[in-house]
Amino acid sequence: MGLAQAKKIVLYGLVVFVLYTIIKTPERAAELVQVGFEGISDAAKSIGDFMTALIS
């Protein structure tokens, strides 16, 4: 089994898991998405603060 095939299998499994989670518990899925976006937002703010500190 090649690396490309393994990646395809993992991606397929991840998609199935995400769809199952959304269908089975939509409230929990929405909560996880919100937490993910908050994490991305916090990371972007931290990078912005770091860049500002470098310029100052």
PDB file of N, CA and C in Angstrom:
ATOM      1  N   MET A   1       0.858  -1.187   0.000  1.00  0.00           N
ATOM      2  CA  MET A   1       0.000   0.000   0.000  1.00  0.00           C
ATOM      3  C   MET A   1       0.892   1.234   0.000  1.00  0.00           C
ATOM      4  N   GLY A   2       0.649   2.129  -0.935  1.00  0.00           N
ATOM      5  CA  GLY A   2       1.453   3.329  -1.051  1.00  0.00           C
ATOM      6  C   GLY A   2       1.000   4.421  -0.096  1.00  0.00           C
ATOM      7  N   LEU A   3       1.837   5.424   0.032  1.00  0.00           N
ATOM      8  CA  LEU A   3       1.546   6.549   0.915  1.00  0.00           C
ATOM      9  C   LEU A   3       0.316   7.313   0.439  1.00  0.00           C
ATOM     10  N   ALA A   4       0.184   7.481  -0.864  1.00  0.00           N
ATOM     11  CA  ALA A   4      -0.965   8.203  -1.415  1.00  0.00           C
ATOM     12  C   ALA A   4      -2.269   7.473  -1.082  1.00  0.00           C
ATOM     13  N   GLN A   5      -2.240   6.161  -1.171  1.00  0.00           N
ATOM     14  CA  GLN A   5      -3.444   5.377  -0.862  1.00  0.00           C
ATOM     15  C   GLN A   5      -3.764   5.467   0.631  1.00  0.00           C
ATOM     16  N   ALA A   6      -2.743   5.447   1.474  1.00  0.00           N
ATOM     17  CA  ALA A   6      -2.962   5.562   2.922  1.00  0.00           C
ATOM     18  C   ALA A   6      -3.565   6.924   3.259  1.00  0.00           C
ATOM     19  N   LYS A   7      -3.068   7.978   2.621  1.00  0.00           N
ATOM     20  CA  LYS A   7      -3.616   9.323   2.858  1.00  0.00           C
ATOM     21  C   LYS A   7      -5.082   9.378   2.449  1.00  0.00           C
ATOM     22  N   LYS A   8      -5.403   8.754   1.329  1.00  0.00           N
ATOM     23  CA  LYS A   8      -6.781   8.748   0.835  1.00  0.00           C
ATOM     24  C   LYS A   8      -7.697   8.030   1.824  1.00  0.00           C
ATOM     25  N   ILE A   9      -7.230   6.917   2.383  1.00  0.00           N
ATOM     26  CA  ILE A   9      -8.028   6.156   3.352  1.00  0.00           C
ATOM     27  C   ILE A   9      -8.242   6.968   4.628  1.00  0.00           C
ATOM     28  N   VAL A  10      -7.195   7.623   5.106  1.00  0.00           N
ATOM     29  CA  VAL A  10      -7.303   8.443   6.326  1.00  0.00           C
ATOM     30  C   VAL A  10      -8.266   9.604   6.087  1.00  0.00           C
ATOM     31  N   LEU A  11      -8.146  10.268   4.933  1.00  0.00           N
ATOM     32  CA  LEU A  11      -9.036  11.388   4.610  1.00  0.00           C
ATOM     33  C   LEU A  11     -10.483  10.911   4.535  1.00  0.00           C
ATOM     34  N   TYR A  12     -10.715   9.774   3.893  1.00  0.00           N
ATOM     35  CA  TYR A  12     -12.067   9.215   3.796  1.00  0.00           C
ATOM     36  C   TYR A  12     -12.629   8.922   5.191  1.00  0.00           C
ATOM     37  N   GLY A  13     -11.810   8.326   6.051  1.00  0.00           N
ATOM     38  CA  GLY A  13     -12.239   8.033   7.419  1.00  0.00           C
ATOM     39  C   GLY A  13     -12.575   9.297   8.190  1.00  0.00           C
ATOM     40  N   LEU A  14     -11.782  10.342   7.998  1.00  0.00           N
ATOM     41  CA  LEU A  14     -12.021  11.613   8.681  1.00  0.00           C
ATOM     42  C   LEU A  14     -13.340  12.229   8.220  1.00  0.00           C
ATOM     43  N   VAL A  15     -13.599  12.195   6.917  1.00  0.00           N
ATOM     44  CA  VAL A  15     -14.851  12.739   6.387  1.00  0.00           C
ATOM     45  C   VAL A  15     -16.044  11.971   6.946  1.00  0.00           C
ATOM     46  N   VAL A  16     -15.958  10.660   6.981  1.00  0.00           N
ATOM     47  CA  VAL A  16     -17.046   9.842   7.524  1.00  0.00           C
ATOM     48  C   VAL A  16     -17.271  10.176   8.999  1.00  0.00           C
ATOM     49  N   PHE A  17     -16.190  10.332   9.763  1.00  0.00           N
ATOM     50  CA  PHE A  17     -16.306  10.668  11.186  1.00  0.00           C
ATOM     51  C   PHE A  17     -16.976  12.022  11.377  1.00  0.00           C
ATOM     52  N   VAL A  18     -16.560  13.020  10.592  1.00  0.00           N
ATOM     53  CA  VAL A  18     -17.142  14.358  10.711  1.00  0.00           C
ATOM     54  C   VAL A  18     -18.630  14.323  10.373  1.00  0.00           C
ATOM     55  N   LEU A  19     -18.990  13.656   9.288  1.00  0.00           N
ATOM     56  CA  LEU A  19     -20.404  13.565   8.914  1.00  0.00           C
ATOM     57  C   LEU A  19     -21.217  12.840   9.987  1.00  0.00           C
ATOM     58  N   TYR A  20     -20.673  11.764  10.531  1.00  0.00           N
ATOM     59  CA  TYR A  20     -21.361  11.018  11.585  1.00  0.00           C
ATOM     60  C   TYR A  20     -21.581  11.909  12.809  1.00  0.00           C
ATOM     61  N   THR A  21     -20.548  12.665  13.184  1.00  0.00           N
ATOM     62  CA  THR A  21     -20.657  13.550  14.348  1.00  0.00           C
ATOM     63  C   THR A  21     -21.717  14.615  14.122  1.00  0.00           C
ATOM     64  N   ILE A  22     -21.734  15.215  12.931  1.00  0.00           N
ATOM     65  CA  ILE A  22     -22.714  16.267  12.629  1.00  0.00           C
ATOM     66  C   ILE A  22     -24.134  15.704  12.660  1.00  0.00           C
ATOM     67  N   ILE A  23     -24.324  14.524  12.108  1.00  0.00           N
ATOM     68  CA  ILE A  23     -25.663  13.931  12.061  1.00  0.00           C
ATOM     69  C   ILE A  23     -26.108  13.467  13.451  1.00  0.00           C
ATOM     70  N   LYS A  24     -25.191  12.853  14.192  1.00  0.00           N
ATOM     71  CA  LYS A  24     -25.548  12.260  15.485  1.00  0.00           C
ATOM     72  C   LYS A  24     -25.744  13.324  16.565  1.00  0.00           C
ATOM     73  N   THR A  25     -24.840  14.298  16.643  1.00  0.00           N
ATOM     74  CA  THR A  25     -24.925  15.328  17.686  1.00  0.00           C
ATOM     75  C   THR A  25     -24.584  16.690  17.094  1.00  0.00           C
ATOM     76  N   PRO A  26     -25.553  17.320  16.436  1.00  0.00           N
ATOM     77  CA  PRO A  26     -25.279  18.608  15.788  1.00  0.00           C
ATOM     78  C   PRO A  26     -24.859  19.699  16.769  1.00  0.00           C
ATOM     79  N   GLU A  27     -25.392  19.663  18.007  1.00  0.00           N
ATOM     80  CA  GLU A  27     -25.013  20.685  18.990  1.00  0.00           C
ATOM     81  C   GLU A  27     -23.530  20.571  19.329  1.00  0.00           C
ATOM     82  N   ARG A  28     -23.069  19.359  19.538  1.00  0.00           N
ATOM     83  CA  ARG A  28     -21.654  19.125  19.864  1.00  0.00           C
ATOM     84  C   ARG A  28     -20.758  19.505  18.684  1.00  0.00           C
ATOM     85  N   ALA A  29     -21.207  19.193  17.471  1.00  0.00           N
ATOM     86  CA  ALA A  29     -20.424  19.546  16.288  1.00  0.00           C
ATOM     87  C   ALA A  29     -20.297  21.060  16.170  1.00  0.00           C
ATOM     88  N   ALA A  30     -21.373  21.782  16.417  1.00  0.00           N
ATOM     89  CA  ALA A  30     -21.333  23.243  16.360  1.00  0.00           C
ATOM     90  C   ALA A  30     -20.393  23.795  17.426  1.00  0.00           C
ATOM     91  N   GLU A  31     -20.418  23.176  18.603  1.00  0.00           N
ATOM     92  CA  GLU A  31     -19.534  23.600  19.689  1.00  0.00           C
ATOM     93  C   GLU A  31     -18.064  23.395  19.304  1.00  0.00           C
ATOM     94  N   LEU A  32     -17.760  22.268  18.680  1.00  0.00           N
ATOM     95  CA  LEU A  32     -16.384  21.983  18.259  1.00  0.00           C
ATOM     96  C   LEU A  32     -15.913  22.965  17.190  1.00  0.00           C
ATOM     97  N   VAL A  33     -16.802  23.316  16.259  1.00  0.00           N
ATOM     98  CA  VAL A  33     -16.445  24.294  15.225  1.00  0.00           C
ATOM     99  C   VAL A  33     -16.168  25.647  15.861  1.00  0.00           C
ATOM    100  N   GLN A  34     -17.008  26.034  16.820  1.00  0.00           N
ATOM    101  CA  GLN A  34     -16.804  27.320  17.504  1.00  0.00           C
ATOM    102  C   GLN A  34     -15.463  27.333  18.231  1.00  0.00           C
ATOM    103  N   VAL A  35     -15.133  26.259  18.929  1.00  0.00           N
ATOM    104  CA  VAL A  35     -13.858  26.168  19.634  1.00  0.00           C
ATOM    105  C   VAL A  35     -12.698  26.250  18.639  1.00  0.00           C
ATOM    106  N   GLY A  36     -12.843  25.591  17.505  1.00  0.00           N
ATOM    107  CA  GLY A  36     -11.801  25.639  16.474  1.00  0.00           C
ATOM    108  C   GLY A  36     -11.580  27.049  15.953  1.00  0.00           C
ATOM    109  N   PHE A  37     -12.671  27.762  15.665  1.00  0.00           N
ATOM    110  CA  PHE A  37     -12.539  29.124  15.166  1.00  0.00           C
ATOM    111  C   PHE A  37     -11.972  30.048  16.235  1.00  0.00           C
ATOM    112  N   GLU A  38     -12.342  29.845  17.489  1.00  0.00           N
ATOM    113  CA  GLU A  38     -11.763  30.652  18.566  1.00  0.00           C
ATOM    114  C   GLU A  38     -10.262  30.424  18.658  1.00  0.00           C
ATOM    115  N   GLY A  39      -9.841  29.179  18.495  1.00  0.00           N
ATOM    116  CA  GLY A  39      -8.410  28.868  18.533  1.00  0.00           C
ATOM    117  C   GLY A  39      -7.663  29.538  17.394  1.00  0.00           C
ATOM    118  N   ILE A  40      -8.246  29.497  16.187  1.00  0.00           N
ATOM    119  CA  ILE A  40      -7.620  30.149  15.037  1.00  0.00           C
ATOM    120  C   ILE A  40      -7.557  31.658  15.262  1.00  0.00           C
ATOM    121  N   SER A  41      -8.623  32.216  15.795  1.00  0.00           N
ATOM    122  CA  SER A  41      -8.661  33.656  16.061  1.00  0.00           C
ATOM    123  C   SER A  41      -7.603  34.052  17.089  1.00  0.00           C
ATOM    124  N   ASP A  42      -7.490  33.277  18.149  1.00  0.00           N
ATOM    125  CA  ASP A  42      -6.481  33.557  19.175  1.00  0.00           C
ATOM    126  C   ASP A  42      -5.068  33.462  18.605  1.00  0.00           C
ATOM    127  N   ALA A  43      -4.828  32.462  17.762  1.00  0.00           N
ATOM    128  CA  ALA A  43      -3.513  32.295  17.152  1.00  0.00           C
ATOM    129  C   ALA A  43      -3.188  33.481  16.247  1.00  0.00           C
ATOM    130  N   ALA A  44      -4.160  33.926  15.451  1.00  0.00           N
ATOM    131  CA  ALA A  44      -3.935  35.070  14.565  1.00  0.00           C
ATOM    132  C   ALA A  44      -3.653  36.330  15.372  1.00  0.00           C
ATOM    133  N   LYS A  45      -4.376  36.526  16.476  1.00  0.00           N
ATOM    134  CA  LYS A  45      -4.147  37.695  17.323  1.00  0.00           C
ATOM    135  C   LYS A  45      -2.752  37.644  17.933  1.00  0.00           C
ATOM    136  N   SER A  46      -2.340  36.464  18.377  1.00  0.00           N
ATOM    137  CA  SER A  46      -1.007  36.314  18.964  1.00  0.00           C
ATOM    138  C   SER A  46       0.087  36.615  17.943  1.00  0.00           C
ATOM    139  N   ILE A  47      -0.104  36.148  16.716  1.00  0.00           N
ATOM    140  CA  ILE A  47       0.877  36.438  15.657  1.00  0.00           C
ATOM    141  C   ILE A  47       0.909  37.936  15.382  1.00  0.00           C
ATOM    142  N   GLY A  48      -0.244  38.568  15.354  1.00  0.00           N
ATOM    143  CA  GLY A  48      -0.311  40.025  15.148  1.00  0.00           C
ATOM    144  C   GLY A  48       0.400  40.781  16.251  1.00  0.00           C
ATOM    145  N   ASP A  49       0.168  40.363  17.500  1.00  0.00           N
ATOM    146  CA  ASP A  49       0.848  40.994  18.633  1.00  0.00           C
ATOM    147  C   ASP A  49       2.346  40.823  18.535  1.00  0.00           C
ATOM    148  N   PHE A  50       2.802  39.651  18.128  1.00  0.00           N
ATOM    149  CA  PHE A  50       4.228  39.371  17.986  1.00  0.00           C
ATOM    150  C   PHE A  50       4.843  40.259  16.909  1.00  0.00           C
ATOM    151  N   MET A  51       4.172  40.352  15.760  1.00  0.00           N
ATOM    152  CA  MET A  51       4.681  41.199  14.670  1.00  0.00           C
ATOM    153  C   MET A  51       4.726  42.660  15.099  1.00  0.00           C
ATOM    154  N   THR A  52       3.700  43.122  15.826  1.00  0.00           N
ATOM    155  CA  THR A  52       3.686  44.492  16.317  1.00  0.00           C
ATOM    156  C   THR A  52       4.849  44.736  17.261  1.00  0.00           C
ATOM    157  N   ALA A  53       5.122  43.772  18.136  1.00  0.00           N
ATOM    158  CA  ALA A  53       6.233  43.903  19.071  1.00  0.00           C
ATOM    159  C   ALA A  53       7.576  43.947  18.340  1.00  0.00           C
ATOM    160  N   LEU A  54       7.704  43.229  17.239  1.00  0.00           N
ATOM    161  CA  LEU A  54       8.955  43.259  16.463  1.00  0.00           C
ATOM    162  C   LEU A  54       9.172  44.617  15.809  1.00  0.00           C
ATOM    163  N   ILE A  55       8.104  45.226  15.338  1.00  0.00           N
ATOM    164  CA  ILE A  55       8.209  46.516  14.647  1.00  0.00           C
ATOM    165  C   ILE A  55       8.474  47.640  15.637  1.00  0.00           C
ATOM    166  N   SER A  56       7.881  47.549  16.813  1.00  0.00           N
ATOM    167  CA  SER A  56       8.002  48.632  17.803  1.00  0.00           C
ATOM    168  C   SER A  56       9.396  48.762  18.348  1.00  0.00           C
TER     169      SER A  56
END
